[in-house]
Amino acid sequence: MRLPRIIAVPCIAPLIAMMASAAAAGQASGPDFSKSYQIWSQGNDGRCGYVVGDVYVNASQLRRALEADVHKEYGVEFLTSPQTPPRCVENVRRASKLAGFTLFRARPLTKQDENAAVPPPE
C-alpha cells in the first residue's frame, strides 16, 4: 500500500512569515516609557543625588522613595547629565529593580523633559 505524499511547505511558509512579521513589529516598538517615573540626576562633586517627583533624595533614600504606592508597570527613566557618574546610573537601576519596577532606562536629559518629572495622572 502506497501512502500519499504530504507537502507541508505551502501551509507553513505563510505561518512563518506571519510570525517573523509579528516579531519584527514587537522589536521595533520596544518598551513604552510614556508614563514612566522620571528621576533626575542631581549629583555634584562626584556624589549621587536624585530628584524623584518634586523631592530631592540621596542614594540611601532612593529605594524607599521608589517603594511608594506607584504603578510599577510604568517603569523608571533616569535622566542624566554629562556629569552623571556611571555609579549613579547603577544605583538607580538597582534601586528600581529592588522596588519592584521591571522596566528601566537611563538617557540624557533634554529640553522636552523640563516639566515631566511627575508622570501624568490616571
PDB file of N, CA and C in Angstrom:
ATOM      1  N   MET A   1       0.838  -1.171   0.000  1.00  0.00           N
ATOM      2  CA  MET A   1       0.000   0.000   0.000  1.00  0.00           C
ATOM      3  C   MET A   1       0.889   1.243   0.000  1.00  0.00           C
ATOM      4  N   ARG A   2       0.595   2.110  -0.867  1.00  0.00           N
ATOM      5  CA  ARG A   2       1.390   3.325  -1.007  1.00  0.00           C
ATOM      6  C   ARG A   2       0.690   4.485  -0.304  1.00  0.00           C
ATOM      7  N   LEU A   3       1.443   5.191   0.573  1.00  0.00           N
ATOM      8  CA  LEU A   3       0.888   6.331   1.301  1.00  0.00           C
ATOM      9  C   LEU A   3       0.981   7.595   0.452  1.00  0.00           C
ATOM     10  N   PRO A   4      -0.019   8.477   0.575  1.00  0.00           N
ATOM     11  CA  PRO A   4       0.057   9.728  -0.193  1.00  0.00           C
ATOM     12  C   PRO A   4       1.172  10.621   0.334  1.00  0.00           C
ATOM     13  N   ARG A   5       1.724  11.327  -0.570  1.00  0.00           N
ATOM     14  CA  ARG A   5       2.804  12.244  -0.219  1.00  0.00           C
ATOM     15  C   ARG A   5       2.208  13.567   0.268  1.00  0.00           C
ATOM     16  N   ILE A   6       2.644  14.026   1.444  1.00  0.00           N
ATOM     17  CA  ILE A   6       2.116  15.270   2.015  1.00  0.00           C
ATOM     18  C   ILE A   6       3.184  16.348   1.897  1.00  0.00           C
ATOM     19  N   ILE A   7       2.782  17.428   1.327  1.00  0.00           N
ATOM     20  CA  ILE A   7       3.702  18.560   1.203  1.00  0.00           C
ATOM     21  C   ILE A   7       3.194  19.658   2.129  1.00  0.00           C
ATOM     22  N   ALA A   8       3.955  19.952   3.175  1.00  0.00           N
ATOM     23  CA  ALA A   8       3.533  20.919   4.183  1.00  0.00           C
ATOM     24  C   ALA A   8       4.134  22.308   3.980  1.00  0.00           C
ATOM     25  N   VAL A   9       5.051  22.444   3.094  1.00  0.00           N
ATOM     26  CA  VAL A   9       5.748  23.718   2.925  1.00  0.00           C
ATOM     27  C   VAL A   9       4.803  24.865   2.581  1.00  0.00           C
ATOM     28  N   PRO A  10       3.851  24.711   1.647  1.00  0.00           N
ATOM     29  CA  PRO A  10       2.974  25.854   1.353  1.00  0.00           C
ATOM     30  C   PRO A  10       2.130  26.288   2.551  1.00  0.00           C
ATOM     31  N   CYS A  11       1.792  25.394   3.449  1.00  0.00           N
ATOM     32  CA  CYS A  11       0.982  25.755   4.626  1.00  0.00           C
ATOM     33  C   CYS A  11       1.829  26.420   5.701  1.00  0.00           C
ATOM     34  N   ILE A  12       3.058  25.997   5.839  1.00  0.00           N
ATOM     35  CA  ILE A  12       3.920  26.503   6.902  1.00  0.00           C
ATOM     36  C   ILE A  12       4.544  27.852   6.525  1.00  0.00           C
ATOM     37  N   ALA A  13       4.838  28.059   5.266  1.00  0.00           N
ATOM     38  CA  ALA A  13       5.509  29.286   4.840  1.00  0.00           C
ATOM     39  C   ALA A  13       4.748  30.551   5.255  1.00  0.00           C
ATOM     40  N   PRO A  14       3.411  30.642   5.028  1.00  0.00           N
ATOM     41  CA  PRO A  14       2.704  31.860   5.473  1.00  0.00           C
ATOM     42  C   PRO A  14       2.730  32.021   6.995  1.00  0.00           C
ATOM     43  N   LEU A  15       2.670  30.902   7.722  1.00  0.00           N
ATOM     44  CA  LEU A  15       2.725  30.960   9.176  1.00  0.00           C
ATOM     45  C   LEU A  15       4.071  31.497   9.653  1.00  0.00           C
ATOM     46  N   ILE A  16       5.158  31.028   9.061  1.00  0.00           N
ATOM     47  CA  ILE A  16       6.494  31.503   9.424  1.00  0.00           C
ATOM     48  C   ILE A  16       6.638  32.984   9.090  1.00  0.00           C
ATOM     49  N   ALA A  17       6.135  33.396   7.938  1.00  0.00           N
ATOM     50  CA  ALA A  17       6.216  34.808   7.551  1.00  0.00           C
ATOM     51  C   ALA A  17       5.429  35.688   8.519  1.00  0.00           C
ATOM     52  N   MET A  18       4.248  35.196   8.938  1.00  0.00           N
ATOM     53  CA  MET A  18       3.432  35.962   9.878  1.00  0.00           C
ATOM     54  C   MET A  18       4.130  36.077  11.231  1.00  0.00           C
ATOM     55  N   MET A  19       4.748  35.010  11.694  1.00  0.00           N
ATOM     56  CA  MET A  19       5.452  35.041  12.972  1.00  0.00           C
ATOM     57  C   MET A  19       6.650  35.975  12.895  1.00  0.00           C
ATOM     58  N   ALA A  20       7.387  35.948  11.812  1.00  0.00           N
ATOM     59  CA  ALA A  20       8.548  36.830  11.656  1.00  0.00           C
ATOM     60  C   ALA A  20       8.118  38.286  11.619  1.00  0.00           C
ATOM     61  N   SER A  21       6.997  38.573  10.962  1.00  0.00           N
ATOM     62  CA  SER A  21       6.491  39.941  10.896  1.00  0.00           C
ATOM     63  C   SER A  21       6.081  40.439  12.275  1.00  0.00           C
ATOM     64  N   ALA A  22       5.404  39.587  13.048  1.00  0.00           N
ATOM     65  CA  ALA A  22       4.990  39.966  14.401  1.00  0.00           C
ATOM     66  C   ALA A  22       6.193  40.193  15.302  1.00  0.00           C
ATOM     67  N   ALA A  23       7.218  39.363  15.170  1.00  0.00           N
ATOM     68  CA  ALA A  23       8.432  39.532  15.985  1.00  0.00           C
ATOM     69  C   ALA A  23       9.135  40.835  15.631  1.00  0.00           C
ATOM     70  N   ALA A  24       9.217  41.161  14.353  1.00  0.00           N
ATOM     71  CA  ALA A  24       9.872  42.399  13.931  1.00  0.00           C
ATOM     72  C   ALA A  24       9.102  43.613  14.431  1.00  0.00           C
ATOM     73  N   ALA A  25       7.774  43.543  14.381  1.00  0.00           N
ATOM     74  CA  ALA A  25       6.958  44.659  14.863  1.00  0.00           C
ATOM     75  C   ALA A  25       7.142  44.849  16.363  1.00  0.00           C
ATOM     76  N   GLY A  26       7.239  43.761  17.107  1.00  0.00           N
ATOM     77  CA  GLY A  26       7.443  43.850  18.550  1.00  0.00           C
ATOM     78  C   GLY A  26       8.785  44.438  18.899  1.00  0.00           C
ATOM     79  N   GLN A  27       9.810  44.124  18.133  1.00  0.00           N
ATOM     80  CA  GLN A  27      11.149  44.646  18.403  1.00  0.00           C
ATOM     81  C   GLN A  27      11.247  46.118  18.057  1.00  0.00           C
ATOM     82  N   ALA A  28      10.537  46.533  17.016  1.00  0.00           N
ATOM     83  CA  ALA A  28      10.639  47.923  16.576  1.00  0.00           C
ATOM     84  C   ALA A  28      10.025  48.875  17.600  1.00  0.00           C
ATOM     85  N   SER A  29       8.950  48.463  18.255  1.00  0.00           N
ATOM     86  CA  SER A  29       8.277  49.375  19.159  1.00  0.00           C
ATOM     87  C   SER A  29       9.010  49.512  20.499  1.00  0.00           C
ATOM     88  N   GLY A  30       9.503  48.430  21.048  1.00  0.00           N
ATOM     89  CA  GLY A  30      10.228  48.473  22.318  1.00  0.00           C
ATOM     90  C   GLY A  30       9.306  48.793  23.476  1.00  0.00           C
ATOM     91  N   PRO A  31       9.850  48.881  24.690  1.00  0.00           N
ATOM     92  CA  PRO A  31       9.035  49.187  25.866  1.00  0.00           C
ATOM     93  C   PRO A  31       8.456  50.599  25.796  1.00  0.00           C
ATOM     94  N   ASP A  32       7.270  50.772  26.366  1.00  0.00           N
ATOM     95  CA  ASP A  32       6.611  52.072  26.396  1.00  0.00           C
ATOM     96  C   ASP A  32       6.994  52.814  27.678  1.00  0.00           C
ATOM     97  N   PHE A  33       7.703  53.918  27.532  1.00  0.00           N
ATOM     98  CA  PHE A  33       8.106  54.729  28.679  1.00  0.00           C
ATOM     99  C   PHE A  33       7.313  56.034  28.742  1.00  0.00           C
ATOM    100  N   SER A  34       6.168  56.096  28.062  1.00  0.00           N
ATOM    101  CA  SER A  34       5.411  57.347  28.009  1.00  0.00           C
ATOM    102  C   SER A  34       4.849  57.761  29.376  1.00  0.00           C
ATOM    103  N   LYS A  35       4.628  56.803  30.284  1.00  0.00           N
ATOM    104  CA  LYS A  35       4.121  57.124  31.620  1.00  0.00           C
ATOM    105  C   LYS A  35       5.143  56.801  32.703  1.00  0.00           C
ATOM    106  N   SER A  36       6.389  56.672  32.330  1.00  0.00           N
ATOM    107  CA  SER A  36       7.412  56.259  33.293  1.00  0.00           C
ATOM    108  C   SER A  36       7.631  57.307  34.377  1.00  0.00           C
ATOM    109  N   TYR A  37       8.153  56.832  35.493  1.00  0.00           N
ATOM    110  CA  TYR A  37       8.536  57.721  36.584  1.00  0.00           C
ATOM    111  C   TYR A  37       9.943  58.206  36.281  1.00  0.00           C
ATOM    112  N   GLN A  38      10.073  59.508  36.141  1.00  0.00           N
ATOM    113  CA  GLN A  38      11.364  60.063  35.776  1.00  0.00           C
ATOM    114  C   GLN A  38      12.105  60.526  37.020  1.00  0.00           C
ATOM    115  N   ILE A  39      13.360  60.148  37.054  1.00  0.00           N
ATOM    116  CA  ILE A  39      14.258  60.542  38.141  1.00  0.00           C
ATOM    117  C   ILE A  39      15.355  61.379  37.509  1.00  0.00           C
ATOM    118  N   TRP A  40      15.585  62.533  38.063  1.00  0.00           N
ATOM    119  CA  TRP A  40      16.597  63.433  37.523  1.00  0.00           C
ATOM    120  C   TRP A  40      17.880  63.309  38.321  1.00  0.00           C
ATOM    121  N   SER A  41      18.989  63.340  37.621  1.00  0.00           N
ATOM    122  CA  SER A  41      20.296  63.307  38.258  1.00  0.00           C
ATOM    123  C   SER A  41      20.610  64.687  38.826  1.00  0.00           C
ATOM    124  N   GLN A  42      20.975  64.730  40.092  1.00  0.00           N
ATOM    125  CA  GLN A  42      21.335  65.992  40.738  1.00  0.00           C
ATOM    126  C   GLN A  42      22.623  65.844  41.523  1.00  0.00           C
ATOM    127  N   GLY A  43      23.563  65.128  40.977  1.00  0.00           N
ATOM    128  CA  GLY A  43      24.823  64.911  41.675  1.00  0.00           C
ATOM    129  C   GLY A  43      25.746  66.110  41.549  1.00  0.00           C
ATOM    130  N   ASN A  44      26.602  66.263  42.544  1.00  0.00           N
ATOM    131  CA  ASN A  44      27.649  67.274  42.457  1.00  0.00           C
ATOM    132  C   ASN A  44      28.865  66.760  43.207  1.00  0.00           C
ATOM    133  N   ASP A  45      30.010  67.206  42.817  1.00  0.00           N
ATOM    134  CA  ASP A  45      31.274  66.776  43.418  1.00  0.00           C
ATOM    135  C   ASP A  45      31.432  65.252  43.417  1.00  0.00           C
ATOM    136  N   GLY A  46      30.898  64.597  42.373  1.00  0.00           N
ATOM    137  CA  GLY A  46      31.013  63.147  42.275  1.00  0.00           C
ATOM    138  C   GLY A  46      30.045  62.378  43.145  1.00  0.00           C
ATOM    139  N   ARG A  47      29.180  63.080  43.884  1.00  0.00           N
ATOM    140  CA  ARG A  47      28.197  62.420  44.751  1.00  0.00           C
ATOM    141  C   ARG A  47      26.898  62.247  43.972  1.00  0.00           C
ATOM    142  N   CYS A  48      26.142  61.218  44.304  1.00  0.00           N
ATOM    143  CA  CYS A  48      24.880  60.943  43.621  1.00  0.00           C
ATOM    144  C   CYS A  48      23.719  61.545  44.400  1.00  0.00           C
ATOM    145  N   GLY A  49      22.932  62.333  43.720  1.00  0.00           N
ATOM    146  CA  GLY A  49      21.711  62.887  44.273  1.00  0.00           C
ATOM    147  C   GLY A  49      20.627  62.756  43.220  1.00  0.00           C
ATOM    148  N   TYR A  50      19.371  62.674  43.658  1.00  0.00           N
ATOM    149  CA  TYR A  50      18.293  62.391  42.720  1.00  0.00           C
ATOM    150  C   TYR A  50      17.072  63.229  43.056  1.00  0.00           C
ATOM    151  N   VAL A  51      16.319  63.602  42.035  1.00  0.00           N
ATOM    152  CA  VAL A  51      15.033  64.246  42.220  1.00  0.00           C
ATOM    153  C   VAL A  51      13.982  63.254  41.748  1.00  0.00           C
ATOM    154  N   VAL A  52      13.145  62.816  42.697  1.00  0.00           N
ATOM    155  CA  VAL A  52      12.056  61.876  42.419  1.00  0.00           C
ATOM    156  C   VAL A  52      10.762  62.662  42.601  1.00  0.00           C
ATOM    157  N   GLY A  53      10.068  62.939  41.511  1.00  0.00           N
ATOM    158  CA  GLY A  53       8.899  63.828  41.587  1.00  0.00           C
ATOM    159  C   GLY A  53       9.386  65.225  41.901  1.00  0.00           C
ATOM    160  N   ASP A  54       9.014  65.734  43.064  1.00  0.00           N
ATOM    161  CA  ASP A  54       9.490  67.063  43.465  1.00  0.00           C
ATOM    162  C   ASP A  54      10.324  67.002  44.741  1.00  0.00           C
ATOM    163  N   VAL A  55      10.856  65.815  45.052  1.00  0.00           N
ATOM    164  CA  VAL A  55      11.619  65.608  46.283  1.00  0.00           C
ATOM    165  C   VAL A  55      13.061  65.221  45.955  1.00  0.00           C
ATOM    166  N   TYR A  56      14.006  65.881  46.616  1.00  0.00           N
ATOM    167  CA  TYR A  56      15.414  65.517  46.480  1.00  0.00           C
ATOM    168  C   TYR A  56      15.717  64.385  47.455  1.00  0.00           C
ATOM    169  N   VAL A  57      16.364  63.321  46.957  1.00  0.00           N
ATOM    170  CA  VAL A  57      16.791  62.222  47.825  1.00  0.00           C
ATOM    171  C   VAL A  57      18.243  61.890  47.527  1.00  0.00           C
ATOM    172  N   ASN A  58      18.912  61.344  48.533  1.00  0.00           N
ATOM    173  CA  ASN A  58      20.283  60.882  48.298  1.00  0.00           C
ATOM    174  C   ASN A  58      20.228  59.383  47.994  1.00  0.00           C
ATOM    175  N   ALA A  59      21.373  58.792  47.771  1.00  0.00           N
ATOM    176  CA  ALA A  59      21.431  57.389  47.364  1.00  0.00           C
ATOM    177  C   ALA A  59      20.793  56.457  48.389  1.00  0.00           C
ATOM    178  N   SER A  60      20.974  56.724  49.671  1.00  0.00           N
ATOM    179  CA  SER A  60      20.418  55.833  50.694  1.00  0.00           C
ATOM    180  C   SER A  60      18.895  55.966  50.821  1.00  0.00           C
ATOM    181  N   GLN A  61      18.301  57.060  50.365  1.00  0.00           N
ATOM    182  CA  GLN A  61      16.855  57.275  50.442  1.00  0.00           C
ATOM    183  C   GLN A  61      16.119  56.865  49.174  1.00  0.00           C
ATOM    184  N   LEU A  62      16.872  56.579  48.130  1.00  0.00           N
ATOM    185  CA  LEU A  62      16.282  56.351  46.814  1.00  0.00           C
ATOM    186  C   LEU A  62      15.326  55.162  46.785  1.00  0.00           C
ATOM    187  N   ARG A  63      15.724  54.032  47.307  1.00  0.00           N
ATOM    188  CA  ARG A  63      14.875  52.838  47.246  1.00  0.00           C
ATOM    189  C   ARG A  63      13.541  53.075  47.961  1.00  0.00           C
ATOM    190  N   ARG A  64      13.591  53.699  49.151  1.00  0.00           N
ATOM    191  CA  ARG A  64      12.350  53.994  49.881  1.00  0.00           C
ATOM    192  C   ARG A  64      11.436  54.895  49.066  1.00  0.00           C
ATOM    193  N   ALA A  65      12.015  55.870  48.385  1.00  0.00           N
ATOM    194  CA  ALA A  65      11.215  56.779  47.561  1.00  0.00           C
ATOM    195  C   ALA A  65      10.528  56.023  46.425  1.00  0.00           C
ATOM    196  N   LEU A  66      11.206  55.032  45.876  1.00  0.00           N
ATOM    197  CA  LEU A  66      10.638  54.259  44.770  1.00  0.00           C
ATOM    198  C   LEU A  66       9.647  53.201  45.234  1.00  0.00           C
ATOM    199  N   GLU A  67       9.670  52.848  46.509  1.00  0.00           N
ATOM    200  CA  GLU A  67       8.757  51.824  47.013  1.00  0.00           C
ATOM    201  C   GLU A  67       7.388  52.384  47.369  1.00  0.00           C
ATOM    202  N   ALA A  68       7.176  53.680  47.176  1.00  0.00           N
ATOM    203  CA  ALA A  68       5.877  54.287  47.458  1.00  0.00           C
ATOM    204  C   ALA A  68       4.805  53.609  46.600  1.00  0.00           C
ATOM    205  N   ASP A  69       3.560  53.844  46.923  1.00  0.00           N
ATOM    206  CA  ASP A  69       2.440  53.206  46.228  1.00  0.00           C
ATOM    207  C   ASP A  69       2.289  53.814  44.829  1.00  0.00           C
ATOM    208  N   VAL A  70       3.031  53.289  43.880  1.00  0.00           N
ATOM    209  CA  VAL A  70       3.002  53.773  42.498  1.00  0.00           C
ATOM    210  C   VAL A  70       2.817  52.588  41.555  1.00  0.00           C
ATOM    211  N   HIS A  71       2.569  52.887  40.302  1.00  0.00           N
ATOM    212  CA  HIS A  71       2.387  51.857  39.280  1.00  0.00           C
ATOM    213  C   HIS A  71       3.746  51.345  38.810  1.00  0.00           C
ATOM    214  N   LYS A  72       4.134  50.203  39.290  1.00  0.00           N
ATOM    215  CA  LYS A  72       5.448  49.640  38.955  1.00  0.00           C
ATOM    216  C   LYS A  72       5.572  49.306  37.468  1.00  0.00           C
ATOM    217  N   GLU A  73       4.447  49.030  36.814  1.00  0.00           N
ATOM    218  CA  GLU A  73       4.497  48.638  35.401  1.00  0.00           C
ATOM    219  C   GLU A  73       4.902  49.786  34.475  1.00  0.00           C
ATOM    220  N   TYR A  74       4.867  51.017  34.950  1.00  0.00           N
ATOM    221  CA  TYR A  74       5.237  52.154  34.107  1.00  0.00           C
ATOM    222  C   TYR A  74       6.739  52.250  33.871  1.00  0.00           C
ATOM    223  N   GLY A  75       7.525  51.725  34.754  1.00  0.00           N
ATOM    224  CA  GLY A  75       8.967  51.767  34.586  1.00  0.00           C
ATOM    225  C   GLY A  75       9.590  53.040  35.135  1.00  0.00           C
ATOM    226  N   VAL A  76      10.916  53.054  35.121  1.00  0.00           N
ATOM    227  CA  VAL A  76      11.702  54.179  35.624  1.00  0.00           C
ATOM    228  C   VAL A  76      12.633  54.654  34.522  1.00  0.00           C
ATOM    229  N   GLU A  77      12.682  55.962  34.340  1.00  0.00           N
ATOM    230  CA  GLU A  77      13.623  56.593  33.424  1.00  0.00           C
ATOM    231  C   GLU A  77      14.540  57.476  34.249  1.00  0.00           C
ATOM    232  N   PHE A  78      15.823  57.282  34.109  1.00  0.00           N
ATOM    233  CA  PHE A  78      16.800  58.110  34.818  1.00  0.00           C
ATOM    234  C   PHE A  78      17.367  59.101  33.816  1.00  0.00           C
ATOM    235  N   LEU A  79      17.113  60.372  34.051  1.00  0.00           N
ATOM    236  CA  LEU A  79      17.544  61.433  33.150  1.00  0.00           C
ATOM    237  C   LEU A  79      18.887  61.960  33.625  1.00  0.00           C
ATOM    238  N   THR A  80      19.883  61.792  32.804  1.00  0.00           N
ATOM    239  CA  THR A  80      21.260  62.089  33.202  1.00  0.00           C
ATOM    240  C   THR A  80      21.791  63.353  32.545  1.00  0.00           C
ATOM    241  N   SER A  81      22.866  63.854  33.123  1.00  0.00           N
ATOM    242  CA  SER A  81      23.622  64.963  32.536  1.00  0.00           C
ATOM    243  C   SER A  81      24.991  64.404  32.140  1.00  0.00           C
ATOM    244  N   PRO A  82      25.777  65.159  31.407  1.00  0.00           N
ATOM    245  CA  PRO A  82      27.119  64.676  31.060  1.00  0.00           C
ATOM    246  C   PRO A  82      28.001  64.436  32.289  1.00  0.00           C
ATOM    247  N   GLN A  83      27.676  65.069  33.415  1.00  0.00           N
ATOM    248  CA  GLN A  83      28.473  64.912  34.630  1.00  0.00           C
ATOM    249  C   GLN A  83      28.005  63.752  35.519  1.00  0.00           C
ATOM    250  N   THR A  84      26.948  63.052  35.142  1.00  0.00           N
ATOM    251  CA  THR A  84      26.423  61.959  35.971  1.00  0.00           C
ATOM    252  C   THR A  84      27.405  60.788  35.977  1.00  0.00           C
ATOM    253  N   PRO A  85      27.932  60.424  37.145  1.00  0.00           N
ATOM    254  CA  PRO A  85      28.846  59.280  37.209  1.00  0.00           C
ATOM    255  C   PRO A  85      28.120  57.963  36.909  1.00  0.00           C
ATOM    256  N   PRO A  86      28.787  57.006  36.268  1.00  0.00           N
ATOM    257  CA  PRO A  86      28.165  55.714  35.963  1.00  0.00           C
ATOM    258  C   PRO A  86      27.608  55.004  37.209  1.00  0.00           C
ATOM    259  N   ARG A  87      28.248  55.188  38.360  1.00  0.00           N
ATOM    260  CA  ARG A  87      27.758  54.512  39.567  1.00  0.00           C
ATOM    261  C   ARG A  87      26.397  55.050  39.986  1.00  0.00           C
ATOM    262  N   CYS A  88      26.078  56.304  39.651  1.00  0.00           N
ATOM    263  CA  CYS A  88      24.756  56.856  39.962  1.00  0.00           C
ATOM    264  C   CYS A  88      23.688  56.179  39.106  1.00  0.00           C
ATOM    265  N   VAL A  89      24.014  55.906  37.856  1.00  0.00           N
ATOM    266  CA  VAL A  89      23.096  55.179  36.975  1.00  0.00           C
ATOM    267  C   VAL A  89      22.847  53.783  37.544  1.00  0.00           C
ATOM    268  N   GLU A  90      23.903  53.132  37.977  1.00  0.00           N
ATOM    269  CA  GLU A  90      23.780  51.786  38.554  1.00  0.00           C
ATOM    270  C   GLU A  90      22.969  51.817  39.851  1.00  0.00           C
ATOM    271  N   ASN A  91      23.130  52.857  40.666  1.00  0.00           N
ATOM    272  CA  ASN A  91      22.334  52.984  41.904  1.00  0.00           C
ATOM    273  C   ASN A  91      20.841  53.033  41.598  1.00  0.00           C
ATOM    274  N   VAL A  92      20.462  53.816  40.585  1.00  0.00           N
ATOM    275  CA  VAL A  92      19.047  53.943  40.234  1.00  0.00           C
ATOM    276  C   VAL A  92      18.527  52.635  39.639  1.00  0.00           C
ATOM    277  N   ARG A  93      19.317  52.012  38.786  1.00  0.00           N
ATOM    278  CA  ARG A  93      18.904  50.734  38.188  1.00  0.00           C
ATOM    279  C   ARG A  93      18.640  49.700  39.284  1.00  0.00           C
ATOM    280  N   ARG A  94      19.575  49.588  40.212  1.00  0.00           N
ATOM    281  CA  ARG A  94      19.449  48.611  41.293  1.00  0.00           C
ATOM    282  C   ARG A  94      18.264  48.943  42.199  1.00  0.00           C
ATOM    283  N   ALA A  95      18.118  50.199  42.589  1.00  0.00           N
ATOM    284  CA  ALA A  95      17.023  50.605  43.480  1.00  0.00           C
ATOM    285  C   ALA A  95      15.660  50.388  42.818  1.00  0.00           C
ATOM    286  N   SER A  96      15.568  50.675  41.521  1.00  0.00           N
ATOM    287  CA  SER A  96      14.280  50.486  40.843  1.00  0.00           C
ATOM    288  C   SER A  96      13.924  49.004  40.761  1.00  0.00           C
ATOM    289  N   LYS A  97      14.918  48.163  40.526  1.00  0.00           N
ATOM    290  CA  LYS A  97      14.667  46.720  40.473  1.00  0.00           C
ATOM    291  C   LYS A  97      14.235  46.198  41.850  1.00  0.00           C
ATOM    292  N   LEU A  98      14.923  46.612  42.899  1.00  0.00           N
ATOM    293  CA  LEU A  98      14.579  46.180  44.253  1.00  0.00           C
ATOM    294  C   LEU A  98      13.203  46.699  44.695  1.00  0.00           C
ATOM    295  N   ALA A  99      12.796  47.839  44.152  1.00  0.00           N
ATOM    296  CA  ALA A  99      11.492  48.409  44.493  1.00  0.00           C
ATOM    297  C   ALA A  99      10.353  47.759  43.703  1.00  0.00           C
ATOM    298  N   GLY A 100      10.684  46.905  42.740  1.00  0.00           N
ATOM    299  CA  GLY A 100       9.651  46.180  42.007  1.00  0.00           C
ATOM    300  C   GLY A 100       9.390  46.635  40.590  1.00  0.00           C
ATOM    301  N   PHE A 101      10.152  47.595  40.094  1.00  0.00           N
ATOM    302  CA  PHE A 101       9.983  48.027  38.711  1.00  0.00           C
ATOM    303  C   PHE A 101      10.635  47.016  37.773  1.00  0.00           C
ATOM    304  N   THR A 102       9.992  46.760  36.634  1.00  0.00           N
ATOM    305  CA  THR A 102      10.550  45.805  35.682  1.00  0.00           C
ATOM    306  C   THR A 102      11.193  46.492  34.477  1.00  0.00           C
ATOM    307  N   LEU A 103      10.842  47.740  34.214  1.00  0.00           N
ATOM    308  CA  LEU A 103      11.427  48.485  33.098  1.00  0.00           C
ATOM    309  C   LEU A 103      12.335  49.582  33.639  1.00  0.00           C
ATOM    310  N   PHE A 104      13.490  49.729  33.019  1.00  0.00           N
ATOM    311  CA  PHE A 104      14.436  50.782  33.413  1.00  0.00           C
ATOM    312  C   PHE A 104      15.214  51.216  32.189  1.00  0.00           C
ATOM    313  N   ARG A 105      15.437  52.505  32.093  1.00  0.00           N
ATOM    314  CA  ARG A 105      16.386  53.019  31.105  1.00  0.00           C
ATOM    315  C   ARG A 105      16.965  54.320  31.612  1.00  0.00           C
ATOM    316  N   ALA A 106      18.195  54.575  31.203  1.00  0.00           N
ATOM    317  CA  ALA A 106      18.861  55.841  31.505  1.00  0.00           C
ATOM    318  C   ALA A 106      19.093  56.534  30.177  1.00  0.00           C
ATOM    319  N   ARG A 107      18.851  57.837  30.164  1.00  0.00           N
ATOM    320  CA  ARG A 107      19.060  58.611  28.939  1.00  0.00           C
ATOM    321  C   ARG A 107      19.393  60.049  29.301  1.00  0.00           C
ATOM    322  N   PRO A 108      20.005  60.774  28.374  1.00  0.00           N
ATOM    323  CA  PRO A 108      20.347  62.178  28.643  1.00  0.00           C
ATOM    324  C   PRO A 108      19.095  63.044  28.779  1.00  0.00           C
ATOM    325  N   LEU A 109      19.136  63.973  29.693  1.00  0.00           N
ATOM    326  CA  LEU A 109      18.067  64.945  29.904  1.00  0.00           C
ATOM    327  C   LEU A 109      17.974  65.852  28.674  1.00  0.00           C
ATOM    328  N   THR A 110      16.746  66.124  28.213  1.00  0.00           N
ATOM    329  CA  THR A 110      16.539  67.006  27.062  1.00  0.00           C
ATOM    330  C   THR A 110      15.656  68.185  27.462  1.00  0.00           C
ATOM    331  N   LYS A 111      15.525  69.157  26.591  1.00  0.00           N
ATOM    332  CA  LYS A 111      14.657  70.320  26.837  1.00  0.00           C
ATOM    333  C   LYS A 111      13.206  69.896  27.027  1.00  0.00           C
ATOM    334  N   GLN A 112      12.786  68.838  26.344  1.00  0.00           N
ATOM    335  CA  GLN A 112      11.409  68.356  26.442  1.00  0.00           C
ATOM    336  C   GLN A 112      11.083  67.792  27.826  1.00  0.00           C
ATOM    337  N   ASP A 113      12.103  67.455  28.599  1.00  0.00           N
ATOM    338  CA  ASP A 113      11.902  66.852  29.915  1.00  0.00           C
ATOM    339  C   ASP A 113      11.711  67.871  31.036  1.00  0.00           C
ATOM    340  N   GLU A 114      11.829  69.144  30.746  1.00  0.00           N
ATOM    341  CA  GLU A 114      11.867  70.159  31.798  1.00  0.00           C
ATOM    342  C   GLU A 114      10.725  70.076  32.802  1.00  0.00           C
ATOM    343  N   ASN A 115       9.507  69.827  32.365  1.00  0.00           N
ATOM    344  CA  ASN A 115       8.365  69.765  33.280  1.00  0.00           C
ATOM    345  C   ASN A 115       7.743  68.377  33.350  1.00  0.00           C
ATOM    346  N   ALA A 116       8.529  67.355  33.103  1.00  0.00           N
ATOM    347  CA  ALA A 116       7.974  65.998  33.039  1.00  0.00           C
ATOM    348  C   ALA A 116       8.485  65.094  34.160  1.00  0.00           C
ATOM    349  N   ALA A 117       8.820  65.635  35.308  1.00  0.00           N
ATOM    350  CA  ALA A 117       9.371  64.804  36.388  1.00  0.00           C
ATOM    351  C   ALA A 117       8.319  63.917  37.024  1.00  0.00           C
ATOM    352  N   VAL A 118       7.057  64.293  36.941  1.00  0.00           N
ATOM    353  CA  VAL A 118       5.984  63.503  37.550  1.00  0.00           C
ATOM    354  C   VAL A 118       5.141  62.917  36.429  1.00  0.00           C
ATOM    355  N   PRO A 119       4.807  61.615  36.491  1.00  0.00           N
ATOM    356  CA  PRO A 119       4.007  61.013  35.423  1.00  0.00           C
ATOM    357  C   PRO A 119       2.608  61.621  35.371  1.00  0.00           C
ATOM    358  N   PRO A 120       1.960  61.552  34.218  1.00  0.00           N
ATOM    359  CA  PRO A 120       0.627  62.127  34.102  1.00  0.00           C
ATOM    360  C   PRO A 120      -0.369  61.406  35.015  1.00  0.00           C
ATOM    361  N   PRO A 121      -1.404  62.102  35.509  1.00  0.00           N
ATOM    362  CA  PRO A 121      -2.388  61.448  36.377  1.00  0.00           C
ATOM    363  C   PRO A 121      -3.198  60.426  35.600  1.00  0.00           C
ATOM    364  N   GLU A 122      -3.734  59.456  36.311  1.00  0.00           N
ATOM    365  CA  GLU A 122      -4.554  58.402  35.685  1.00  0.00           C
ATOM    366  C   GLU A 122      -5.874  58.938  35.234  1.00  0.00           C
TER     367      GLU A 122
END
